[in-house]
PDB file of N, CA and C in Angstrom:
ATOM      1  N   MET A   1       0.836  -1.182   0.000  1.00  0.00           N
ATOM      2  CA  MET A   1       0.000   0.000   0.000  1.00  0.00           C
ATOM      3  C   MET A   1       0.882   1.247   0.000  1.00  0.00           C
ATOM      4  N   LEU A   2       0.476   2.227  -0.743  1.00  0.00           N
ATOM      5  CA  LEU A   2       1.206   3.492  -0.778  1.00  0.00           C
ATOM      6  C   LEU A   2       1.032   4.231   0.548  1.00  0.00           C
ATOM      7  N   PRO A   3       2.106   4.817   1.068  1.00  0.00           N
ATOM      8  CA  PRO A   3       1.965   5.633   2.279  1.00  0.00           C
ATOM      9  C   PRO A   3       1.013   6.803   2.028  1.00  0.00           C
ATOM     10  N   LYS A   4       0.401   7.286   3.082  1.00  0.00           N
ATOM     11  CA  LYS A   4      -0.604   8.345   2.963  1.00  0.00           C
ATOM     12  C   LYS A   4      -0.055   9.595   2.264  1.00  0.00           C
ATOM     13  N   GLU A   5       1.189   9.945   2.541  1.00  0.00           N
ATOM     14  CA  GLU A   5       1.763  11.154   1.921  1.00  0.00           C
ATOM     15  C   GLU A   5       1.918  11.007   0.411  1.00  0.00           C
ATOM     16  N   ASN A   6       1.917   9.787  -0.094  1.00  0.00           N
ATOM     17  CA  ASN A   6       2.091   9.545  -1.527  1.00  0.00           C
ATOM     18  C   ASN A   6       0.778   9.339  -2.272  1.00  0.00           C
ATOM     19  N   ARG A   7      -0.341   9.689  -1.641  1.00  0.00           N
ATOM     20  CA  ARG A   7      -1.640   9.522  -2.289  1.00  0.00           C
ATOM     21  C   ARG A   7      -2.301  10.870  -2.543  1.00  0.00           C
ATOM     22  N   LEU A   8      -2.868  11.008  -3.727  1.00  0.00           N
ATOM     23  CA  LEU A   8      -3.709  12.177  -4.014  1.00  0.00           C
ATOM     24  C   LEU A   8      -5.091  11.872  -3.458  1.00  0.00           C
ATOM     25  N   SER A   9      -5.635  12.767  -2.654  1.00  0.00           N
ATOM     26  CA  SER A   9      -6.950  12.490  -2.089  1.00  0.00           C
ATOM     27  C   SER A   9      -7.924  13.647  -2.279  1.00  0.00           C
ATOM     28  N   LYS A  10      -7.399  14.845  -2.456  1.00  0.00           N
ATOM     29  CA  LYS A  10      -8.287  16.001  -2.571  1.00  0.00           C
ATOM     30  C   LYS A  10      -8.686  16.260  -4.018  1.00  0.00           C
ATOM     31  N   GLU A  11      -9.925  16.635  -4.198  1.00  0.00           N
ATOM     32  CA  GLU A  11     -10.461  16.892  -5.534  1.00  0.00           C
ATOM     33  C   GLU A  11      -9.677  17.999  -6.237  1.00  0.00           C
ATOM     34  N   LYS A  12      -9.263  19.019  -5.487  1.00  0.00           N
ATOM     35  CA  LYS A  12      -8.529  20.126  -6.100  1.00  0.00           C
ATOM     36  C   LYS A  12      -7.183  19.669  -6.661  1.00  0.00           C
ATOM     37  N   ASP A  13      -6.557  18.670  -6.026  1.00  0.00           N
ATOM     38  CA  ASP A  13      -5.292  18.142  -6.540  1.00  0.00           C
ATOM     39  C   ASP A  13      -5.513  17.391  -7.855  1.00  0.00           C
ATOM     40  N   PHE A  14      -6.569  16.593  -7.916  1.00  0.00           N
ATOM     41  CA  PHE A  14      -6.909  15.893  -9.157  1.00  0.00           C
ATOM     42  C   PHE A  14      -7.197  16.908 -10.260  1.00  0.00           C
ATOM     43  N   GLU A  15      -7.980  17.940  -9.945  1.00  0.00           N
ATOM     44  CA  GLU A  15      -8.336  18.964 -10.939  1.00  0.00           C
ATOM     45  C   GLU A  15      -7.096  19.693 -11.455  1.00  0.00           C
ATOM     46  N   ARG A  16      -6.141  19.977 -10.561  1.00  0.00           N
ATOM     47  CA  ARG A  16      -4.906  20.654 -10.961  1.00  0.00           C
ATOM     48  C   ARG A  16      -4.103  19.796 -11.940  1.00  0.00           C
ATOM     49  N   VAL A  17      -4.044  18.496 -11.678  1.00  0.00           N
ATOM     50  CA  VAL A  17      -3.316  17.606 -12.581  1.00  0.00           C
ATOM     51  C   VAL A  17      -4.021  17.537 -13.935  1.00  0.00           C
ATOM     52  N   PHE A  18      -5.343  17.426 -13.925  1.00  0.00           N
ATOM     53  CA  PHE A  18      -6.088  17.354 -15.182  1.00  0.00           C
ATOM     54  C   PHE A  18      -5.984  18.665 -15.966  1.00  0.00           C
ATOM     55  N   ALA A  19      -5.981  19.792 -15.269  1.00  0.00           N
ATOM     56  CA  ALA A  19      -5.946  21.086 -15.953  1.00  0.00           C
ATOM     57  C   ALA A  19      -4.572  21.407 -16.531  1.00  0.00           C
ATOM     58  N   GLY A  20      -3.510  21.112 -15.780  1.00  0.00           N
ATOM     59  CA  GLY A  20      -2.194  21.546 -16.232  1.00  0.00           C
ATOM     60  C   GLY A  20      -1.189  20.445 -16.461  1.00  0.00           C
ATOM     61  N   GLY A  21      -1.627  19.199 -16.407  1.00  0.00           N
ATOM     62  CA  GLY A  21      -0.682  18.095 -16.538  1.00  0.00           C
ATOM     63  C   GLY A  21      -0.461  17.636 -17.961  1.00  0.00           C
ATOM     64  N   LYS A  22       0.619  16.885 -18.151  1.00  0.00           N
ATOM     65  CA  LYS A  22       0.915  16.274 -19.442  1.00  0.00           C
ATOM     66  C   LYS A  22       0.379  14.851 -19.426  1.00  0.00           C
ATOM     67  N   SER A  23      -0.108  14.396 -20.590  1.00  0.00           N
ATOM     68  CA  SER A  23      -0.697  13.067 -20.691  1.00  0.00           C
ATOM     69  C   SER A  23       0.204  12.106 -21.453  1.00  0.00           C
ATOM     70  N   PHE A  24       0.169  10.849 -21.011  1.00  0.00           N
ATOM     71  CA  PHE A  24       0.896   9.774 -21.668  1.00  0.00           C
ATOM     72  C   PHE A  24      -0.020   8.561 -21.686  1.00  0.00           C
ATOM     73  N   LYS A  25       0.006   7.787 -22.788  1.00  0.00           N
ATOM     74  CA  LYS A  25      -0.884   6.637 -22.916  1.00  0.00           C
ATOM     75  C   LYS A  25      -0.090   5.417 -23.318  1.00  0.00           C
ATOM     76  N   GLU A  26      -0.425   4.285 -22.705  1.00  0.00           N
ATOM     77  CA  GLU A  26       0.166   2.994 -23.046  1.00  0.00           C
ATOM     78  C   GLU A  26      -0.955   1.966 -23.027  1.00  0.00           C
ATOM     79  N   LYS A  27      -1.321   1.485 -24.184  1.00  0.00           N
ATOM     80  CA  LYS A  27      -2.395   0.504 -24.359  1.00  0.00           C
ATOM     81  C   LYS A  27      -3.664   0.946 -23.642  1.00  0.00           C
ATOM     82  N   LYS A  28      -3.951   0.374 -22.477  1.00  0.00           N
ATOM     83  CA  LYS A  28      -5.215   0.649 -21.784  1.00  0.00           C
ATOM     84  C   LYS A  28      -5.041   1.430 -20.480  1.00  0.00           C
ATOM     85  N   ILE A  29      -3.927   2.176 -20.375  1.00  0.00           N
ATOM     86  CA  ILE A  29      -3.683   2.996 -19.185  1.00  0.00           C
ATOM     87  C   ILE A  29      -3.228   4.385 -19.629  1.00  0.00           C
ATOM     88  N   VAL A  30      -3.768   5.411 -18.966  1.00  0.00           N
ATOM     89  CA  VAL A  30      -3.380   6.795 -19.237  1.00  0.00           C
ATOM     90  C   VAL A  30      -2.773   7.363 -17.961  1.00  0.00           C
ATOM     91  N   LEU A  31      -1.674   8.099 -18.107  1.00  0.00           N
ATOM     92  CA  LEU A  31      -1.034   8.764 -16.978  1.00  0.00           C
ATOM     93  C   LEU A  31      -1.013  10.252 -17.259  1.00  0.00           C
ATOM     94  N   LYS A  32      -1.463  11.041 -16.293  1.00  0.00           N
ATOM     95  CA  LYS A  32      -1.357  12.493 -16.374  1.00  0.00           C
ATOM     96  C   LYS A  32      -0.479  12.916 -15.219  1.00  0.00           C
ATOM     97  N   LYS A  33       0.535  13.755 -15.511  1.00  0.00           N
ATOM     98  CA  LYS A  33       1.433  14.186 -14.441  1.00  0.00           C
ATOM     99  C   LYS A  33       1.617  15.693 -14.470  1.00  0.00           C
ATOM    100  N   ALA A  34       1.839  16.243 -13.286  1.00  0.00           N
ATOM    101  CA  ALA A  34       2.121  17.668 -13.126  1.00  0.00           C
ATOM    102  C   ALA A  34       3.091  17.819 -11.959  1.00  0.00           C
ATOM    103  N   GLU A  35       3.950  18.827 -12.024  1.00  0.00           N
ATOM    104  CA  GLU A  35       4.883  19.072 -10.925  1.00  0.00           C
ATOM    105  C   GLU A  35       4.117  19.554  -9.703  1.00  0.00           C
ATOM    106  N   ASN A  36       4.616  19.170  -8.503  1.00  0.00           N
ATOM    107  CA  ASN A  36       3.907  19.553  -7.283  1.00  0.00           C
ATOM    108  C   ASN A  36       4.749  20.355  -6.295  1.00  0.00           C
ATOM    109  N   ASN A  37       6.030  20.606  -6.589  1.00  0.00           N
ATOM    110  CA  ASN A  37       6.924  21.390  -5.728  1.00  0.00           C
ATOM    111  C   ASN A  37       7.031  20.834  -4.311  1.00  0.00           C
ATOM    112  N   LEU A  38       6.926  19.510  -4.165  1.00  0.00           N
ATOM    113  CA  LEU A  38       7.093  18.845  -2.874  1.00  0.00           C
ATOM    114  C   LEU A  38       8.312  17.926  -2.959  1.00  0.00           C
ATOM    115  N   ASP A  39       8.725  17.397  -1.816  1.00  0.00           N
ATOM    116  CA  ASP A  39       9.873  16.485  -1.783  1.00  0.00           C
ATOM    117  C   ASP A  39       9.456  15.031  -1.998  1.00  0.00           C
ATOM    118  N   PHE A  40       8.248  14.809  -2.464  1.00  0.00           N
ATOM    119  CA  PHE A  40       7.759  13.456  -2.726  1.00  0.00           C
ATOM    120  C   PHE A  40       6.719  13.514  -3.830  1.00  0.00           C
ATOM    121  N   SER A  41       6.480  12.382  -4.456  1.00  0.00           N
ATOM    122  CA  SER A  41       5.456  12.301  -5.499  1.00  0.00           C
ATOM    123  C   SER A  41       4.178  11.729  -4.919  1.00  0.00           C
ATOM    124  N   ARG A  42       3.063  12.132  -5.512  1.00  0.00           N
ATOM    125  CA  ARG A  42       1.760  11.635  -5.066  1.00  0.00           C
ATOM    126  C   ARG A  42       1.028  11.055  -6.264  1.00  0.00           C
ATOM    127  N   PHE A  43       0.242  10.005  -6.008  1.00  0.00           N
ATOM    128  CA  PHE A  43      -0.472   9.314  -7.064  1.00  0.00           C
ATOM    129  C   PHE A  43      -1.943   9.185  -6.731  1.00  0.00           C
ATOM    130  N   GLY A  44      -2.776   9.275  -7.766  1.00  0.00           N
ATOM    131  CA  GLY A  44      -4.199   8.998  -7.667  1.00  0.00           C
ATOM    132  C   GLY A  44      -4.539   7.990  -8.753  1.00  0.00           C
ATOM    133  N   PHE A  45      -5.514   7.127  -8.478  1.00  0.00           N
ATOM    134  CA  PHE A  45      -5.869   6.072  -9.419  1.00  0.00           C
ATOM    135  C   PHE A  45      -7.363   6.103  -9.684  1.00  0.00           C
ATOM    136  N   ILE A  46      -7.725   5.995 -10.972  1.00  0.00           N
ATOM    137  CA  ILE A  46      -9.134   6.028 -11.360  1.00  0.00           C
ATOM    138  C   ILE A  46      -9.433   4.783 -12.188  1.00  0.00           C
ATOM    139  N   VAL A  47     -10.399   4.009 -11.728  1.00  0.00           N
ATOM    140  CA  VAL A  47     -10.892   2.853 -12.470  1.00  0.00           C
ATOM    141  C   VAL A  47     -12.412   2.956 -12.439  1.00  0.00           C
ATOM    142  N   GLY A  48     -13.002   3.358 -13.549  1.00  0.00           N
ATOM    143  CA  GLY A  48     -14.432   3.607 -13.606  1.00  0.00           C
ATOM    144  C   GLY A  48     -15.266   2.355 -13.837  1.00  0.00           C
ATOM    145  N   LYS A  49     -16.558   2.526 -13.747  1.00  0.00           N
ATOM    146  CA  LYS A  49     -17.481   1.407 -13.938  1.00  0.00           C
ATOM    147  C   LYS A  49     -17.489   0.897 -15.369  1.00  0.00           C
ATOM    148  N   ARG A  50     -17.011   1.695 -16.311  1.00  0.00           N
ATOM    149  CA  ARG A  50     -16.934   1.201 -17.686  1.00  0.00           C
ATOM    150  C   ARG A  50     -15.868   0.120 -17.815  1.00  0.00           C
ATOM    151  N   VAL A  51     -14.890   0.114 -16.910  1.00  0.00           N
ATOM    152  CA  VAL A  51     -13.860  -0.921 -16.914  1.00  0.00           C
ATOM    153  C   VAL A  51     -14.463  -2.237 -16.435  1.00  0.00           C
ATOM    154  N   SER A  52     -15.219  -2.184 -15.341  1.00  0.00           N
ATOM    155  CA  SER A  52     -15.897  -3.360 -14.808  1.00  0.00           C
ATOM    156  C   SER A  52     -17.024  -2.902 -13.882  1.00  0.00           C
ATOM    157  N   LEU A  53     -18.137  -3.581 -13.969  1.00  0.00           N
ATOM    158  CA  LEU A  53     -19.249  -3.257 -13.074  1.00  0.00           C
ATOM    159  C   LEU A  53     -19.006  -3.804 -11.671  1.00  0.00           C
ATOM    160  N   LYS A  54     -18.078  -4.730 -11.542  1.00  0.00           N
ATOM    161  CA  LYS A  54     -17.799  -5.355 -10.249  1.00  0.00           C
ATOM    162  C   LYS A  54     -16.735  -4.561  -9.491  1.00  0.00           C
ATOM    163  N   ALA A  55     -17.093  -4.111  -8.282  1.00  0.00           N
ATOM    164  CA  ALA A  55     -16.168  -3.339  -7.457  1.00  0.00           C
ATOM    165  C   ALA A  55     -14.921  -4.144  -7.113  1.00  0.00           C
ATOM    166  N   VAL A  56     -15.074  -5.446  -6.948  1.00  0.00           N
ATOM    167  CA  VAL A  56     -13.936  -6.302  -6.620  1.00  0.00           C
ATOM    168  C   VAL A  56     -12.878  -6.221  -7.720  1.00  0.00           C
ATOM    169  N   GLU A  57     -13.295  -6.271  -8.963  1.00  0.00           N
ATOM    170  CA  GLU A  57     -12.358  -6.207 -10.079  1.00  0.00           C
ATOM    171  C   GLU A  57     -11.722  -4.826 -10.197  1.00  0.00           C
ATOM    172  N   ARG A  58     -12.523  -3.769 -10.008  1.00  0.00           N
ATOM    173  CA  ARG A  58     -11.967  -2.412 -10.072  1.00  0.00           C
ATOM    174  C   ARG A  58     -10.927  -2.206  -8.973  1.00  0.00           C
ATOM    175  N   ASN A  59     -11.219  -2.679  -7.778  1.00  0.00           N
ATOM    176  CA  ASN A  59     -10.271  -2.526  -6.668  1.00  0.00           C
ATOM    177  C   ASN A  59      -9.006  -3.338  -6.883  1.00  0.00           C
ATOM    178  N   ARG A  60      -9.116  -4.515  -7.482  1.00  0.00           N
ATOM    179  CA  ARG A  60      -7.945  -5.343  -7.777  1.00  0.00           C
ATOM    180  C   ARG A  60      -7.035  -4.621  -8.772  1.00  0.00           C
ATOM    181  N   ILE A  61      -7.633  -4.007  -9.778  1.00  0.00           N
ATOM    182  CA  ILE A  61      -6.857  -3.262 -10.768  1.00  0.00           C
ATOM    183  C   ILE A  61      -6.149  -2.085 -10.090  1.00  0.00           C
ATOM    184  N   LYS A  62      -6.845  -1.366  -9.218  1.00  0.00           N
ATOM    185  CA  LYS A  62      -6.224  -0.239  -8.501  1.00  0.00           C
ATOM    186  C   LYS A  62      -5.075  -0.709  -7.617  1.00  0.00           C
ATOM    187  N   ARG A  63      -5.256  -1.851  -6.941  1.00  0.00           N
ATOM    188  CA  ARG A  63      -4.181  -2.380  -6.096  1.00  0.00           C
ATOM    189  C   ARG A  63      -2.939  -2.692  -6.914  1.00  0.00           C
ATOM    190  N   LYS A  64      -3.124  -3.284  -8.080  1.00  0.00           N
ATOM    191  CA  LYS A  64      -1.978  -3.612  -8.939  1.00  0.00           C
ATOM    192  C   LYS A  64      -1.284  -2.337  -9.429  1.00  0.00           C
ATOM    193  N   MET A  65      -2.057  -1.313  -9.769  1.00  0.00           N
ATOM    194  CA  MET A  65      -1.457  -0.054 -10.216  1.00  0.00           C
ATOM    195  C   MET A  65      -0.718   0.628  -9.061  1.00  0.00           C
ATOM    196  N   ARG A  66      -1.289   0.601  -7.856  1.00  0.00           N
ATOM    197  CA  ARG A  66      -0.631   1.181  -6.685  1.00  0.00           C
ATOM    198  C   ARG A  66       0.697   0.479  -6.403  1.00  0.00           C
ATOM    199  N   GLU A  67       0.674  -0.839  -6.475  1.00  0.00           N
ATOM    200  CA  GLU A  67       1.882  -1.611  -6.212  1.00  0.00           C
ATOM    201  C   GLU A  67       2.978  -1.263  -7.218  1.00  0.00           C
ATOM    202  N   SER A  68       2.605  -1.075  -8.460  1.00  0.00           N
ATOM    203  CA  SER A  68       3.571  -0.706  -9.489  1.00  0.00           C
ATOM    204  C   SER A  68       4.171   0.666  -9.195  1.00  0.00           C
ATOM    205  N   ALA A  69       3.351   1.604  -8.772  1.00  0.00           N
ATOM    206  CA  ALA A  69       3.852   2.949  -8.438  1.00  0.00           C
ATOM    207  C   ALA A  69       4.768   2.894  -7.220  1.00  0.00           C
ATOM    208  N   LYS A  70       4.475   1.995  -6.310  1.00  0.00           N
ATOM    209  CA  LYS A  70       5.271   1.884  -5.090  1.00  0.00           C
ATOM    210  C   LYS A  70       6.620   1.207  -5.342  1.00  0.00           C
ATOM    211  N   THR A  71       6.643   0.162  -6.161  1.00  0.00           N
ATOM    212  CA  THR A  71       7.855  -0.633  -6.326  1.00  0.00           C
ATOM    213  C   THR A  71       8.846  -0.041  -7.315  1.00  0.00           C
ATOM    214  N   ASN A  72       8.405   0.756  -8.263  1.00  0.00           N
ATOM    215  CA  ASN A  72       9.334   1.366  -9.211  1.00  0.00           C
ATOM    216  C   ASN A  72      10.020   2.559  -8.561  1.00  0.00           C
ATOM    217  N   ASN A  73      11.274   2.768  -8.890  1.00  0.00           N
ATOM    218  CA  ASN A  73      12.090   3.838  -8.318  1.00  0.00           C
ATOM    219  C   ASN A  73      11.819   5.123  -9.107  1.00  0.00           C
ATOM    220  N   LEU A  74      10.871   5.935  -8.627  1.00  0.00           N
ATOM    221  CA  LEU A  74      10.402   7.096  -9.386  1.00  0.00           C
ATOM    222  C   LEU A  74      10.921   8.414  -8.814  1.00  0.00           C
ATOM    223  N   LYS A  75      10.970   9.425  -9.676  1.00  0.00           N
ATOM    224  CA  LYS A  75      11.394  10.765  -9.276  1.00  0.00           C
ATOM    225  C   LYS A  75      10.414  11.364  -8.281  1.00  0.00           C
ATOM    226  N   LYS A  76      10.941  12.320  -7.530  1.00  0.00           N
ATOM    227  CA  LYS A  76      10.111  13.047  -6.565  1.00  0.00           C
ATOM    228  C   LYS A  76       9.662  14.357  -7.183  1.00  0.00           C
ATOM    229  N   GLY A  77       8.570  14.916  -6.647  1.00  0.00           N
ATOM    230  CA  GLY A  77       8.136  16.232  -7.089  1.00  0.00           C
ATOM    231  C   GLY A  77       7.033  16.235  -8.125  1.00  0.00           C
ATOM    232  N   TYR A  78       6.303  15.129  -8.252  1.00  0.00           N
ATOM    233  CA  TYR A  78       5.213  15.061  -9.229  1.00  0.00           C
ATOM    234  C   TYR A  78       3.915  14.601  -8.578  1.00  0.00           C
ATOM    235  N   ASP A  79       2.814  15.092  -9.122  1.00  0.00           N
ATOM    236  CA  ASP A  79       1.493  14.534  -8.847  1.00  0.00           C
ATOM    237  C   ASP A  79       1.092  13.808 -10.116  1.00  0.00           C
ATOM    238  N   ALA A  80       0.618  12.587  -9.989  1.00  0.00           N
ATOM    239  CA  ALA A  80       0.243  11.806 -11.166  1.00  0.00           C
ATOM    240  C   ALA A  80      -1.099  11.132 -10.931  1.00  0.00           C
ATOM    241  N   VAL A  81      -1.930  11.135 -11.965  1.00  0.00           N
ATOM    242  CA  VAL A  81      -3.209  10.431 -11.941  1.00  0.00           C
ATOM    243  C   VAL A  81      -3.120   9.335 -12.992  1.00  0.00           C
ATOM    244  N   VAL A  82      -3.401   8.110 -12.568  1.00  0.00           N
ATOM    245  CA  VAL A  82      -3.349   6.956 -13.463  1.00  0.00           C
ATOM    246  C   VAL A  82      -4.782   6.496 -13.697  1.00  0.00           C
ATOM    247  N   ILE A  83      -5.170   6.398 -14.968  1.00  0.00           N
ATOM    248  CA  ILE A  83      -6.549   6.067 -15.332  1.00  0.00           C
ATOM    249  C   ILE A  83      -6.554   4.774 -16.130  1.00  0.00           C
ATOM    250  N   ALA A  84      -7.348   3.812 -15.669  1.00  0.00           N
ATOM    251  CA  ALA A  84      -7.514   2.545 -16.395  1.00  0.00           C
ATOM    252  C   ALA A  84      -8.644   2.715 -17.409  1.00  0.00           C
ATOM    253  N   LEU A  85      -8.425   2.201 -18.613  1.00  0.00           N
ATOM    254  CA  LEU A  85      -9.428   2.275 -19.674  1.00  0.00           C
ATOM    255  C   LEU A  85     -10.123   0.925 -19.835  1.00  0.00           C
ATOM    256  N   PRO A  86     -11.324   0.921 -20.388  1.00  0.00           N
ATOM    257  CA  PRO A  86     -12.029  -0.348 -20.601  1.00  0.00           C
ATOM    258  C   PRO A  86     -11.185  -1.303 -21.448  1.00  0.00           C
ATOM    259  N   GLY A  87     -11.213  -2.575 -21.076  1.00  0.00           N
ATOM    260  CA  GLY A  87     -10.466  -3.587 -21.797  1.00  0.00           C
ATOM    261  C   GLY A  87      -9.111  -3.886 -21.186  1.00  0.00           C
ATOM    262  N   ILE A  88      -8.781  -3.240 -20.072  1.00  0.00           N
ATOM    263  CA  ILE A  88      -7.494  -3.474 -19.420  1.00  0.00           C
ATOM    264  C   ILE A  88      -7.432  -4.916 -18.918  1.00  0.00           C
ATOM    265  N   LYS A  89      -6.245  -5.516 -19.022  1.00  0.00           N
ATOM    266  CA  LYS A  89      -6.042  -6.884 -18.546  1.00  0.00           C
ATOM    267  C   LYS A  89      -5.094  -6.842 -17.363  1.00  0.00           C
ATOM    268  N   GLU A  90      -5.479  -7.539 -16.284  1.00  0.00           N
ATOM    269  CA  GLU A  90      -4.704  -7.493 -15.045  1.00  0.00           C
ATOM    270  C   GLU A  90      -3.263  -7.945 -15.231  1.00  0.00           C
ATOM    271  N   ASP A  91      -3.037  -8.923 -16.085  1.00  0.00           N
ATOM    272  CA  ASP A  91      -1.683  -9.448 -16.244  1.00  0.00           C
ATOM    273  C   ASP A  91      -0.769  -8.514 -17.039  1.00  0.00           C
ATOM    274  N   GLU A  92      -1.308  -7.463 -17.643  1.00  0.00           N
ATOM    275  CA  GLU A  92      -0.501  -6.516 -18.404  1.00  0.00           C
ATOM    276  C   GLU A  92      -0.238  -5.209 -17.652  1.00  0.00           C
ATOM    277  N   ILE A  93      -0.844  -5.050 -16.494  1.00  0.00           N
ATOM    278  CA  ILE A  93      -0.768  -3.780 -15.765  1.00  0.00           C
ATOM    279  C   ILE A  93       0.669  -3.412 -15.418  1.00  0.00           C
ATOM    280  N   GLU A  94       1.431  -4.339 -14.828  1.00  0.00           N
ATOM    281  CA  GLU A  94       2.791  -4.039 -14.383  1.00  0.00           C
ATOM    282  C   GLU A  94       3.664  -3.561 -15.546  1.00  0.00           C
ATOM    283  N   ASN A  95       3.642  -4.269 -16.641  1.00  0.00           N
ATOM    284  CA  ASN A  95       4.457  -3.912 -17.806  1.00  0.00           C
ATOM    285  C   ASN A  95       4.003  -2.576 -18.403  1.00  0.00           C
ATOM    286  N   ASP A  96       2.691  -2.371 -18.530  1.00  0.00           N
ATOM    287  CA  ASP A  96       2.182  -1.113 -19.092  1.00  0.00           C
ATOM    288  C   ASP A  96       2.536   0.081 -18.202  1.00  0.00           C
ATOM    289  N   MET A  97       2.458  -0.113 -16.884  1.00  0.00           N
ATOM    290  CA  MET A  97       2.813   0.973 -15.959  1.00  0.00           C
ATOM    291  C   MET A  97       4.301   1.313 -16.105  1.00  0.00           C
ATOM    292  N   ARG A  98       5.149   0.301 -16.217  1.00  0.00           N
ATOM    293  CA  ARG A  98       6.578   0.541 -16.380  1.00  0.00           C
ATOM    294  C   ARG A  98       6.833   1.325 -17.670  1.00  0.00           C
ATOM    295  N   MET A  99       6.140   0.960 -18.736  1.00  0.00           N
ATOM    296  CA  MET A  99       6.302   1.667 -20.013  1.00  0.00           C
ATOM    297  C   MET A  99       5.818   3.117 -19.895  1.00  0.00           C
ATOM    298  N   LEU A 100       4.728   3.331 -19.148  1.00  0.00           N
ATOM    299  CA  LEU A 100       4.233   4.700 -18.932  1.00  0.00           C
ATOM    300  C   LEU A 100       5.252   5.534 -18.165  1.00  0.00           C
ATOM    301  N   PHE A 101       5.836   4.958 -17.115  1.00  0.00           N
ATOM    302  CA  PHE A 101       6.841   5.686 -16.346  1.00  0.00           C
ATOM    303  C   PHE A 101       8.042   6.011 -17.219  1.00  0.00           C
ATOM    304  N   LYS A 102       8.380   5.112 -18.116  1.00  0.00           N
ATOM    305  CA  LYS A 102       9.496   5.350 -19.029  1.00  0.00           C
ATOM    306  C   LYS A 102       9.161   6.488 -19.997  1.00  0.00           C
ATOM    307  N   LYS A 103       7.970   6.437 -20.589  1.00  0.00           N
ATOM    308  CA  LYS A 103       7.544   7.489 -21.535  1.00  0.00           C
ATOM    309  C   LYS A 103       7.503   8.857 -20.863  1.00  0.00           C
ATOM    310  N   SER A 104       7.001   8.874 -19.624  1.00  0.00           N
ATOM    311  CA  SER A 104       6.826  10.148 -18.923  1.00  0.00           C
ATOM    312  C   SER A 104       8.094  10.612 -18.211  1.00  0.00           C
ATOM    313  N   ARG A 105       9.162   9.823 -18.338  1.00  0.00           N
ATOM    314  CA  ARG A 105      10.454  10.148 -17.722  1.00  0.00           C
ATOM    315  C   ARG A 105      10.350  10.337 -16.216  1.00  0.00           C
ATOM    316  N   MET A 106       9.641   9.433 -15.570  1.00  0.00           N
ATOM    317  CA  MET A 106       9.479   9.511 -14.126  1.00  0.00           C
ATOM    318  C   MET A 106      10.462   8.632 -13.360  1.00  0.00           C
ATOM    319  N   PHE A 107      11.262   7.819 -14.067  1.00  0.00           N
ATOM    320  CA  PHE A 107      12.272   7.016 -13.379  1.00  0.00           C
ATOM    321  C   PHE A 107      13.378   7.925 -12.857  1.00  0.00           C
ATOM    322  N   LYS A 108      13.953   7.576 -11.703  1.00  0.00           N
ATOM    323  CA  LYS A 108      14.996   8.400 -11.105  1.00  0.00           C
ATOM    324  C   LYS A 108      16.243   8.475 -11.965  1.00  0.00           C
ATOM    325  N   ASN A 109      16.627   7.362 -12.574  1.00  0.00           N
ATOM    326  CA  ASN A 109      17.826   7.386 -13.396  1.00  0.00           C
ATOM    327  C   ASN A 109      17.708   6.390 -14.539  1.00  0.00           C
ATOM    328  N   GLU A 110      18.646   6.473 -15.434  1.00  0.00           N
ATOM    329  CA  GLU A 110      18.632   5.670 -16.669  1.00  0.00           C
ATOM    330  C   GLU A 110      18.766   4.171 -16.380  1.00  0.00           C
ATOM    331  N   GLU A 111      19.419   3.797 -15.273  1.00  0.00           N
ATOM    332  CA  GLU A 111      19.624   2.379 -14.953  1.00  0.00           C
ATOM    333  C   GLU A 111      18.287   1.646 -14.782  1.00  0.00           C
ATOM    334  N   ASN A 112      17.316   2.307 -14.167  1.00  0.00           N
ATOM    335  CA  ASN A 112      16.012   1.670 -13.953  1.00  0.00           C
ATOM    336  C   ASN A 112      15.299   1.408 -15.268  1.00  0.00           C
ATOM    337  N   ILE A 113      15.479   2.279 -16.203  1.00  0.00           N
ATOM    338  CA  ILE A 113      14.820   2.118 -17.505  1.00  0.00           C
ATOM    339  C   ILE A 113      15.388   0.889 -18.203  1.00  0.00           C
ATOM    340  N   ASN A 114      16.702   0.739 -18.173  1.00  0.00           N
ATOM    341  CA  ASN A 114      17.325  -0.385 -18.859  1.00  0.00           C
ATOM    342  C   ASN A 114      17.057  -1.710 -18.159  1.00  0.00           C
ATOM    343  N   SER A 115      17.011  -1.742 -16.842  1.00  0.00           N
ATOM    344  CA  SER A 115      16.800  -2.998 -16.123  1.00  0.00           C
ATOM    345  C   SER A 115      15.352  -3.447 -16.157  1.00  0.00           C
ATOM    346  N   SER A 116      14.415  -2.559 -16.486  1.00  0.00           N
ATOM    347  CA  SER A 116      13.003  -2.919 -16.480  1.00  0.00           C
ATOM    348  C   SER A 116      12.577  -3.606 -17.778  1.00  0.00           C
ATOM    349  N   ASN A 117      13.396  -3.550 -18.803  1.00  0.00           N
ATOM    350  CA  ASN A 117      13.005  -4.150 -20.083  1.00  0.00           C
ATOM    351  C   ASN A 117      13.356  -5.590 -20.178  1.00  0.00           C
TER     352      ASN A 117
END
């Protein structure tokens, strides 16, 4: 589980990322990021009912995305919102998230990019 300081929880933070953030897409996941001028990064995750009508499945997808954000060595100072799109497959989440972090240049250094492939 992500520590509380690393989670986006306020609506105004989500709105700020959507209004001024850059978007990146990888298959069935979209990442929007914006700088936050803090010493840590924060993440928010959105999995809508169009992805699955079952809350259990939506929560499982969010858990996998959270775990990916937690385990990858990412830069500090960003707010990011990760959105799952309909048709997402649970077994592809980890790889797609890694590719998104690579596209958005959120890895701390070049070594992580090369070792993740």
